[in-house]
Amino acid sequence: MNIKTLGLPLAVAAFLALAGCSTPTVVTLQNGTQYLTKDMPKTETKDGFYEFEDISGAKVKVKADEVATVREED
């Protein structure tokens, strides 16, 4: 078999493997606001913020003091 024959199946397998790695997460703030994210947010950064992308694609940056919980979606 040549590389071209193996390329497409390998690319599909890699895509499926990466797609299975996402962990939908709910970030709840102290005021009750909830964000549903595609993936687990980055842990608290050096400047004291959580950074994540919600399911609509908007980038969100929240002070760590305002975050009540970060949990996987049920």
C-alpha atoms as a PDB file:
ATOM      1  CA  MET A   1       0.000   0.000   0.000  1.00  0.00           C
ATOM      2  CA  ASN A   2       1.171   3.483  -0.652  1.00  0.00           C
ATOM      3  CA  ILE A   3       0.947   6.630   1.469  1.00  0.00           C
ATOM      4  CA  LYS A   4      -2.020   8.060  -0.449  1.00  0.00           C
ATOM      5  CA  THR A   5      -4.108   4.977   0.255  1.00  0.00           C
ATOM      6  CA  LEU A   6      -3.380   5.145   3.988  1.00  0.00           C
ATOM      7  CA  GLY A   7      -3.619   8.938   4.327  1.00  0.00           C
ATOM      8  CA  LEU A   8      -7.393   9.347   4.391  1.00  0.00           C
ATOM      9  CA  PRO A   9      -8.153   6.536   6.862  1.00  0.00           C
ATOM     10  CA  LEU A  10      -5.398   7.787   9.171  1.00  0.00           C
ATOM     11  CA  ALA A  11      -6.703  11.357   8.998  1.00  0.00           C
ATOM     12  CA  VAL A  12     -10.239  10.180   9.815  1.00  0.00           C
ATOM     13  CA  ALA A  13      -8.975   8.092  12.744  1.00  0.00           C
ATOM     14  CA  ALA A  14      -7.002  11.057  14.127  1.00  0.00           C
ATOM     15  CA  PHE A  15     -10.030  13.350  13.830  1.00  0.00           C
ATOM     16  CA  LEU A  16     -12.275  10.880  15.643  1.00  0.00           C
ATOM     17  CA  ALA A  17      -9.713  10.404  18.401  1.00  0.00           C
ATOM     18  CA  LEU A  18      -9.451  14.143  18.969  1.00  0.00           C
ATOM     19  CA  ALA A  19     -13.212  14.654  18.847  1.00  0.00           C
ATOM     20  CA  GLY A  20     -13.629  12.181  21.683  1.00  0.00           C
ATOM     21  CA  CYS A  21     -11.315  14.185  23.939  1.00  0.00           C
ATOM     22  CA  SER A  22     -13.590  17.158  24.519  1.00  0.00           C
ATOM     23  CA  THR A  23     -15.247  17.435  27.903  1.00  0.00           C
ATOM     24  CA  PRO A  24     -18.325  19.692  28.003  1.00  0.00           C
ATOM     25  CA  THR A  25     -18.111  21.680  31.219  1.00  0.00           C
ATOM     26  CA  VAL A  26     -20.391  23.999  33.211  1.00  0.00           C
ATOM     27  CA  VAL A  27     -18.732  27.021  34.814  1.00  0.00           C
ATOM     28  CA  THR A  28     -20.952  28.604  37.485  1.00  0.00           C
ATOM     29  CA  LEU A  29     -20.204  32.068  38.813  1.00  0.00           C
ATOM     30  CA  GLN A  30     -20.927  33.397  42.305  1.00  0.00           C
ATOM     31  CA  ASN A  31     -23.902  35.396  40.936  1.00  0.00           C
ATOM     32  CA  GLY A  32     -25.499  32.242  39.458  1.00  0.00           C
ATOM     33  CA  THR A  33     -24.519  32.850  35.833  1.00  0.00           C
ATOM     34  CA  GLN A  34     -23.635  29.606  34.076  1.00  0.00           C
ATOM     35  CA  TYR A  35     -21.459  29.090  31.014  1.00  0.00           C
ATOM     36  CA  LEU A  36     -21.490  25.854  29.021  1.00  0.00           C
ATOM     37  CA  THR A  37     -18.084  25.245  27.462  1.00  0.00           C
ATOM     38  CA  LYS A  38     -16.904  22.848  24.790  1.00  0.00           C
ATOM     39  CA  ASP A  39     -13.886  21.811  26.834  1.00  0.00           C
ATOM     40  CA  MET A  40     -12.523  22.033  30.361  1.00  0.00           C
ATOM     41  CA  PRO A  41     -11.403  25.654  30.876  1.00  0.00           C
ATOM     42  CA  LYS A  42      -7.807  26.556  31.499  1.00  0.00           C
ATOM     43  CA  THR A  43      -7.072  26.581  35.182  1.00  0.00           C
ATOM     44  CA  GLU A  44      -6.507  29.850  36.913  1.00  0.00           C
ATOM     45  CA  THR A  45      -3.909  31.883  35.019  1.00  0.00           C
ATOM     46  CA  LYS A  46      -1.028  33.833  36.545  1.00  0.00           C
ATOM     47  CA  ASP A  47      -3.098  37.009  36.499  1.00  0.00           C
ATOM     48  CA  GLY A  48      -5.953  35.362  38.476  1.00  0.00           C
ATOM     49  CA  PHE A  49      -8.454  34.663  35.692  1.00  0.00           C
ATOM     50  CA  TYR A  50     -10.151  31.645  34.146  1.00  0.00           C
ATOM     51  CA  GLU A  51     -10.183  31.673  30.346  1.00  0.00           C
ATOM     52  CA  PHE A  52     -12.517  29.554  28.222  1.00  0.00           C
ATOM     53  CA  GLU A  53     -14.657  29.495  25.097  1.00  0.00           C
ATOM     54  CA  ASP A  54     -18.395  28.991  25.515  1.00  0.00           C
ATOM     55  CA  ILE A  55     -20.460  26.832  23.166  1.00  0.00           C
ATOM     56  CA  SER A  56     -21.321  29.816  20.958  1.00  0.00           C
ATOM     57  CA  GLY A  57     -17.618  30.410  20.352  1.00  0.00           C
ATOM     58  CA  ALA A  58     -17.282  33.545  22.498  1.00  0.00           C
ATOM     59  CA  LYS A  59     -14.050  33.838  24.461  1.00  0.00           C
ATOM     60  CA  VAL A  60     -14.724  34.478  28.157  1.00  0.00           C
ATOM     61  CA  LYS A  61     -12.274  35.665  30.805  1.00  0.00           C
ATOM     62  CA  VAL A  62     -13.550  35.666  34.400  1.00  0.00           C
ATOM     63  CA  LYS A  63     -11.823  36.582  37.666  1.00  0.00           C
ATOM     64  CA  ALA A  64     -11.106  33.445  39.677  1.00  0.00           C
ATOM     65  CA  ASP A  65     -12.824  35.016  42.714  1.00  0.00           C
ATOM     66  CA  GLU A  66     -16.109  35.123  40.757  1.00  0.00           C
ATOM     67  CA  VAL A  67     -16.081  31.379  39.885  1.00  0.00           C
ATOM     68  CA  ALA A  68     -18.131  29.209  42.244  1.00  0.00           C
ATOM     69  CA  THR A  69     -17.780  25.805  40.522  1.00  0.00           C
ATOM     70  CA  VAL A  70     -16.290  24.139  37.448  1.00  0.00           C
ATOM     71  CA  ARG A  71     -17.791  20.721  36.754  1.00  0.00           C
ATOM     72  CA  GLU A  72     -18.318  18.336  33.859  1.00  0.00           C
ATOM     73  CA  GLU A  73     -21.740  18.544  32.258  1.00  0.00           C
ATOM     74  CA  ASP A  74     -24.106  15.738  33.296  1.00  0.00           C
END
